[in-house]
Structure formats: structure tokens, C-alpha cells
Amino acid sequence: MIESLCDEIQAEIRRGSYRFTIHAGERMIERHIAVSEVEEAILAESAEVIEDYPNDPRGSSCLVLGMTAKERSLHVQCSYPPNVVVITAYEPESTEWLDWRTRREKR
């Protein structure tokens, strides 16, 4: 299911059928992340859904890990297709993630 979710998100991105929240835009500016980098990360062959939030009260979403063309790892949280909305994007930090896929346990 998660693998097909990533495929469905990628299809919407390829079609240009997605948008960004204001929050995502603001965070991307702060973090110097370009729209093209978000697209590259989601469309990367190695992209994968690493966390799924089907019961989020704000709406079902997931966290995609992908790599840009310049090998920058990005996490992109987005809503489920067919209405893909990029909620936020950031570079994972080693203090919070073991391998960009697994969260470190909080102490």
C-alpha cells in the first residue's frame, strides 16, 4: 500500500496536479528549498514513503524521503492523492533521524 501511495503521489507531481500550503512555502523559503528540489525529491527513483499518517485529524498525509539531483536528502510531507498538497519540506537532521528513514528515540 505504501509503495503504491508513493507511485500515486509521483503521478500527480508529474501531471503538475499538486499545490503547496502557505506553511510549506514559508518553511521552504526559510530552509532554502526550491520547488524544483521538492519535485526532484518526490520523483527520484529512490523516493519512498517512510511514514504514513492516515488518521491525522487535519487530513490523511504521509512523509516522503527523496533525493534531489544534487544529492540533497529531503523529507516532504504531503496529502494523499488525488489532491496532493505539499504540507512542509525539510532536510532531515541526524540528531532526529538514524538513516533519514528511522526516527531516533526521544530521550
N, C-alpha and C. Protein backbone atom coordinates (compact mmCIF):
# COMPACT_ATOMS: atom_id res chain seq x y z
N MET A 1 0.82 -1.19 0.00
CA MET A 1 0.00 0.00 0.00
C MET A 1 0.86 1.25 0.00
N ILE A 2 1.89 1.30 0.86
CA ILE A 2 2.74 2.48 0.94
C ILE A 2 3.50 2.69 -0.38
N GLU A 3 3.96 1.59 -1.00
CA GLU A 3 4.68 1.72 -2.27
C GLU A 3 3.77 2.30 -3.34
N SER A 4 2.53 1.83 -3.41
CA SER A 4 1.61 2.35 -4.42
C SER A 4 1.24 3.80 -4.10
N LEU A 5 1.21 4.18 -2.83
CA LEU A 5 0.95 5.56 -2.43
C LEU A 5 2.02 6.47 -3.01
N CYS A 6 3.27 6.06 -2.92
CA CYS A 6 4.37 6.85 -3.48
C CYS A 6 4.21 6.97 -5.00
N ASP A 7 3.85 5.87 -5.66
CA ASP A 7 3.63 5.90 -7.12
C ASP A 7 2.51 6.87 -7.49
N GLU A 8 1.45 6.87 -6.70
CA GLU A 8 0.31 7.76 -6.98
C GLU A 8 0.70 9.22 -6.77
N ILE A 9 1.46 9.50 -5.74
CA ILE A 9 1.93 10.87 -5.49
C ILE A 9 2.83 11.31 -6.64
N GLN A 10 3.74 10.44 -7.06
CA GLN A 10 4.63 10.78 -8.17
C GLN A 10 3.84 11.08 -9.44
N ALA A 11 2.80 10.32 -9.70
CA ALA A 11 1.98 10.55 -10.90
C ALA A 11 1.35 11.94 -10.86
N GLU A 12 0.86 12.36 -9.69
CA GLU A 12 0.25 13.68 -9.56
C GLU A 12 1.30 14.78 -9.74
N ILE A 13 2.49 14.56 -9.22
CA ILE A 13 3.56 15.55 -9.38
C ILE A 13 3.94 15.67 -10.85
N ARG A 14 4.07 14.55 -11.54
CA ARG A 14 4.40 14.57 -12.98
C ARG A 14 3.35 15.34 -13.79
N ARG A 15 2.09 15.20 -13.38
CA ARG A 15 1.00 15.89 -14.07
C ARG A 15 0.94 17.38 -13.70
N GLY A 16 1.69 17.75 -12.68
CA GLY A 16 1.62 19.13 -12.19
C GLY A 16 0.33 19.38 -11.41
N SER A 17 -0.27 18.30 -10.94
CA SER A 17 -1.55 18.36 -10.25
C SER A 17 -1.33 18.32 -8.74
N TYR A 18 -0.76 19.37 -8.21
CA TYR A 18 -0.48 19.48 -6.78
C TYR A 18 -0.31 20.95 -6.45
N ARG A 19 -0.32 21.25 -5.16
CA ARG A 19 -0.09 22.63 -4.72
C ARG A 19 0.66 22.62 -3.39
N PHE A 20 1.04 23.79 -2.95
CA PHE A 20 1.75 23.97 -1.69
C PHE A 20 0.89 24.74 -0.71
N THR A 21 0.97 24.39 0.57
CA THR A 21 0.32 25.21 1.58
C THR A 21 1.16 26.47 1.79
N ILE A 22 0.56 27.47 2.38
CA ILE A 22 1.31 28.68 2.73
C ILE A 22 2.44 28.30 3.69
N HIS A 23 2.12 27.42 4.64
CA HIS A 23 3.13 26.96 5.60
C HIS A 23 4.33 26.35 4.87
N ALA A 24 4.07 25.50 3.89
CA ALA A 24 5.17 24.86 3.14
C ALA A 24 6.01 25.92 2.45
N GLY A 25 5.36 26.87 1.81
CA GLY A 25 6.10 27.93 1.12
C GLY A 25 6.99 28.72 2.07
N GLU A 26 6.45 29.07 3.22
CA GLU A 26 7.23 29.82 4.20
C GLU A 26 8.42 29.01 4.71
N ARG A 27 8.19 27.75 5.05
CA ARG A 27 9.28 26.90 5.54
C ARG A 27 10.33 26.68 4.45
N MET A 28 9.89 26.49 3.22
CA MET A 28 10.85 26.27 2.13
C MET A 28 11.73 27.50 1.92
N ILE A 29 11.16 28.68 2.03
CA ILE A 29 11.96 29.90 1.90
C ILE A 29 12.98 29.96 3.03
N GLU A 30 12.53 29.71 4.27
CA GLU A 30 13.44 29.73 5.42
C GLU A 30 14.57 28.72 5.27
N ARG A 31 14.24 27.57 4.69
CA ARG A 31 15.20 26.46 4.60
C ARG A 31 15.93 26.41 3.26
N HIS A 32 15.70 27.39 2.42
CA HIS A 32 16.36 27.47 1.11
C HIS A 32 16.12 26.20 0.28
N ILE A 33 14.85 25.81 0.21
CA ILE A 33 14.46 24.65 -0.59
C ILE A 33 13.60 25.16 -1.74
N ALA A 34 14.02 24.87 -2.95
CA ALA A 34 13.31 25.30 -4.15
C ALA A 34 12.19 24.32 -4.51
N VAL A 35 11.18 24.82 -5.19
CA VAL A 35 10.09 23.97 -5.68
C VAL A 35 10.66 22.83 -6.52
N SER A 36 11.64 23.15 -7.36
CA SER A 36 12.24 22.12 -8.22
C SER A 36 12.90 21.02 -7.39
N GLU A 37 13.45 21.36 -6.23
CA GLU A 37 14.06 20.34 -5.37
C GLU A 37 13.00 19.42 -4.76
N VAL A 38 11.87 19.98 -4.39
CA VAL A 38 10.78 19.16 -3.86
C VAL A 38 10.33 18.18 -4.94
N GLU A 39 10.16 18.69 -6.16
CA GLU A 39 9.76 17.83 -7.27
C GLU A 39 10.80 16.74 -7.51
N GLU A 40 12.07 17.11 -7.55
CA GLU A 40 13.14 16.13 -7.77
C GLU A 40 13.12 15.05 -6.69
N ALA A 41 12.96 15.47 -5.44
CA ALA A 41 12.98 14.51 -4.33
C ALA A 41 11.82 13.52 -4.44
N ILE A 42 10.63 14.03 -4.71
CA ILE A 42 9.46 13.15 -4.81
C ILE A 42 9.56 12.24 -6.02
N LEU A 43 10.10 12.76 -7.12
CA LEU A 43 10.18 11.98 -8.36
C LEU A 43 11.41 11.09 -8.46
N ALA A 44 12.30 11.18 -7.48
CA ALA A 44 13.51 10.36 -7.51
C ALA A 44 13.14 8.87 -7.53
N GLU A 45 13.94 8.12 -8.25
CA GLU A 45 13.71 6.68 -8.34
C GLU A 45 13.74 6.03 -6.95
N SER A 46 14.56 6.59 -6.07
CA SER A 46 14.71 6.04 -4.72
C SER A 46 13.68 6.59 -3.72
N ALA A 47 12.80 7.48 -4.17
CA ALA A 47 11.82 8.08 -3.26
C ALA A 47 10.94 7.01 -2.63
N GLU A 48 10.61 7.24 -1.35
CA GLU A 48 9.76 6.27 -0.66
C GLU A 48 8.97 6.96 0.45
N VAL A 49 7.80 6.43 0.71
CA VAL A 49 7.00 6.89 1.83
C VAL A 49 7.58 6.21 3.07
N ILE A 50 8.06 7.03 4.02
CA ILE A 50 8.69 6.45 5.21
C ILE A 50 7.79 6.50 6.44
N GLU A 51 6.78 7.37 6.41
CA GLU A 51 5.80 7.42 7.48
C GLU A 51 4.45 7.73 6.86
N ASP A 52 3.43 7.11 7.42
CA ASP A 52 2.08 7.27 6.90
C ASP A 52 1.19 7.76 8.03
N TYR A 53 0.39 8.78 7.76
CA TYR A 53 -0.49 9.36 8.77
C TYR A 53 -1.94 9.32 8.28
N PRO A 54 -2.51 8.12 8.11
CA PRO A 54 -3.86 8.01 7.54
C PRO A 54 -4.96 8.58 8.43
N ASN A 55 -4.71 8.66 9.71
CA ASN A 55 -5.74 9.13 10.64
C ASN A 55 -5.48 10.52 11.21
N ASP A 56 -4.62 11.27 10.57
CA ASP A 56 -4.33 12.62 11.03
C ASP A 56 -5.63 13.44 11.01
N PRO A 57 -5.98 14.09 12.12
CA PRO A 57 -7.24 14.85 12.16
C PRO A 57 -7.30 15.99 11.14
N ARG A 58 -6.14 16.45 10.67
CA ARG A 58 -6.12 17.52 9.66
C ARG A 58 -6.26 16.98 8.25
N GLY A 59 -6.23 15.65 8.12
CA GLY A 59 -6.35 15.01 6.81
C GLY A 59 -5.22 14.02 6.61
N SER A 60 -5.51 12.94 5.91
CA SER A 60 -4.51 11.89 5.66
C SER A 60 -3.32 12.46 4.92
N SER A 61 -2.12 12.07 5.39
CA SER A 61 -0.90 12.53 4.75
C SER A 61 0.20 11.51 4.98
N CYS A 62 1.34 11.77 4.37
CA CYS A 62 2.49 10.87 4.54
C CYS A 62 3.77 11.66 4.41
N LEU A 63 4.87 11.03 4.81
CA LEU A 63 6.18 11.65 4.73
C LEU A 63 7.00 10.90 3.69
N VAL A 64 7.45 11.63 2.68
CA VAL A 64 8.23 11.05 1.59
C VAL A 64 9.70 11.43 1.78
N LEU A 65 10.56 10.45 1.65
CA LEU A 65 12.00 10.70 1.64
C LEU A 65 12.46 10.60 0.20
N GLY A 66 13.17 11.62 -0.25
CA GLY A 66 13.71 11.59 -1.61
C GLY A 66 15.00 12.36 -1.69
N MET A 67 15.69 12.20 -2.80
CA MET A 67 16.99 12.82 -3.01
C MET A 67 16.90 13.74 -4.23
N THR A 68 17.44 14.95 -4.10
CA THR A 68 17.47 15.88 -5.23
C THR A 68 18.57 15.47 -6.20
N ALA A 69 18.61 16.12 -7.34
CA ALA A 69 19.64 15.85 -8.34
C ALA A 69 21.04 16.12 -7.79
N LYS A 70 21.13 17.05 -6.83
CA LYS A 70 22.42 17.37 -6.21
C LYS A 70 22.64 16.56 -4.93
N GLU A 71 21.87 15.47 -4.77
CA GLU A 71 22.00 14.54 -3.66
C GLU A 71 21.72 15.16 -2.29
N ARG A 72 20.77 16.05 -2.27
CA ARG A 72 20.28 16.63 -1.02
C ARG A 72 19.08 15.79 -0.57
N SER A 73 19.15 15.21 0.61
CA SER A 73 18.02 14.43 1.15
C SER A 73 16.95 15.38 1.63
N LEU A 74 15.72 15.11 1.23
CA LEU A 74 14.59 15.92 1.69
C LEU A 74 13.48 15.03 2.21
N HIS A 75 12.81 15.53 3.22
CA HIS A 75 11.55 14.95 3.69
C HIS A 75 10.47 15.90 3.21
N VAL A 76 9.45 15.34 2.58
CA VAL A 76 8.33 16.14 2.10
C VAL A 76 7.05 15.51 2.64
N GLN A 77 6.32 16.26 3.44
CA GLN A 77 5.03 15.77 3.93
C GLN A 77 3.97 16.27 2.96
N CYS A 78 3.14 15.34 2.50
CA CYS A 78 2.09 15.73 1.57
C CYS A 78 0.82 14.92 1.82
N SER A 79 -0.28 15.48 1.36
CA SER A 79 -1.57 14.81 1.50
C SER A 79 -1.70 13.72 0.44
N TYR A 80 -2.67 12.87 0.65
CA TYR A 80 -2.93 11.76 -0.26
C TYR A 80 -3.47 12.24 -1.62
N PRO A 81 -3.15 11.49 -2.67
CA PRO A 81 -3.78 11.73 -3.97
C PRO A 81 -5.28 11.44 -3.88
N PRO A 82 -6.09 12.01 -4.71
CA PRO A 82 -5.72 12.76 -5.91
C PRO A 82 -5.45 14.23 -5.66
N ASN A 83 -5.70 14.72 -4.46
CA ASN A 83 -5.48 16.14 -4.15
C ASN A 83 -4.18 16.30 -3.37
N VAL A 84 -3.06 16.17 -4.06
CA VAL A 84 -1.76 16.24 -3.40
C VAL A 84 -1.44 17.69 -3.04
N VAL A 85 -1.18 17.88 -1.75
CA VAL A 85 -0.80 19.19 -1.23
C VAL A 85 0.49 18.99 -0.44
N VAL A 86 1.51 19.75 -0.78
CA VAL A 86 2.76 19.71 -0.01
C VAL A 86 2.54 20.53 1.25
N ILE A 87 2.68 19.87 2.39
CA ILE A 87 2.41 20.48 3.68
C ILE A 87 3.67 21.13 4.25
N THR A 88 4.79 20.45 4.10
CA THR A 88 6.08 21.00 4.54
C THR A 88 7.20 20.21 3.87
N ALA A 89 8.39 20.78 3.90
CA ALA A 89 9.58 20.12 3.35
C ALA A 89 10.78 20.58 4.17
N TYR A 90 11.68 19.64 4.42
CA TYR A 90 12.86 19.97 5.20
C TYR A 90 13.95 18.94 4.96
N GLU A 91 15.18 19.32 5.31
CA GLU A 91 16.29 18.37 5.31
C GLU A 91 16.29 17.66 6.66
N PRO A 92 16.27 16.33 6.65
CA PRO A 92 16.30 15.62 7.93
C PRO A 92 17.62 15.87 8.66
N GLU A 93 17.54 15.95 9.98
CA GLU A 93 18.73 16.18 10.79
C GLU A 93 19.16 14.88 11.46
N SER A 94 20.46 14.66 11.50
CA SER A 94 20.99 13.43 12.08
C SER A 94 20.68 13.30 13.58
N THR A 95 20.38 14.41 14.23
CA THR A 95 20.02 14.35 15.65
C THR A 95 18.62 13.75 15.85
N GLU A 96 17.81 13.76 14.78
CA GLU A 96 16.44 13.25 14.88
C GLU A 96 16.21 11.97 14.09
N TRP A 97 17.10 11.68 13.14
CA TRP A 97 16.91 10.54 12.24
C TRP A 97 18.16 9.68 12.20
N LEU A 98 17.98 8.37 12.26
CA LEU A 98 19.12 7.44 12.20
C LEU A 98 19.69 7.35 10.79
N ASP A 99 18.83 7.14 9.82
CA ASP A 99 19.29 6.93 8.44
C ASP A 99 18.40 7.68 7.45
N TRP A 100 17.80 8.75 7.91
CA TRP A 100 16.83 9.58 7.18
C TRP A 100 15.48 8.87 7.04
N ARG A 101 15.42 7.57 7.45
CA ARG A 101 14.18 6.80 7.36
C ARG A 101 13.59 6.47 8.73
N THR A 102 14.44 6.39 9.74
CA THR A 102 14.02 5.91 11.05
C THR A 102 14.26 7.01 12.10
N ARG A 103 13.19 7.37 12.80
CA ARG A 103 13.33 8.40 13.85
C ARG A 103 14.14 7.84 15.02
N ARG A 104 14.98 8.69 15.57
CA ARG A 104 15.69 8.32 16.79
C ARG A 104 14.68 8.35 17.94
N GLU A 105 14.90 7.50 18.91
CA GLU A 105 14.04 7.52 20.09
C GLU A 105 14.33 8.77 20.90
N LYS A 106 13.27 9.40 21.39
CA LYS A 106 13.45 10.59 22.22
C LYS A 106 13.88 10.17 23.60
N ARG A 107 14.79 10.92 24.16
CA ARG A 107 15.32 10.60 25.49
C ARG A 107 14.65 11.39 26.55
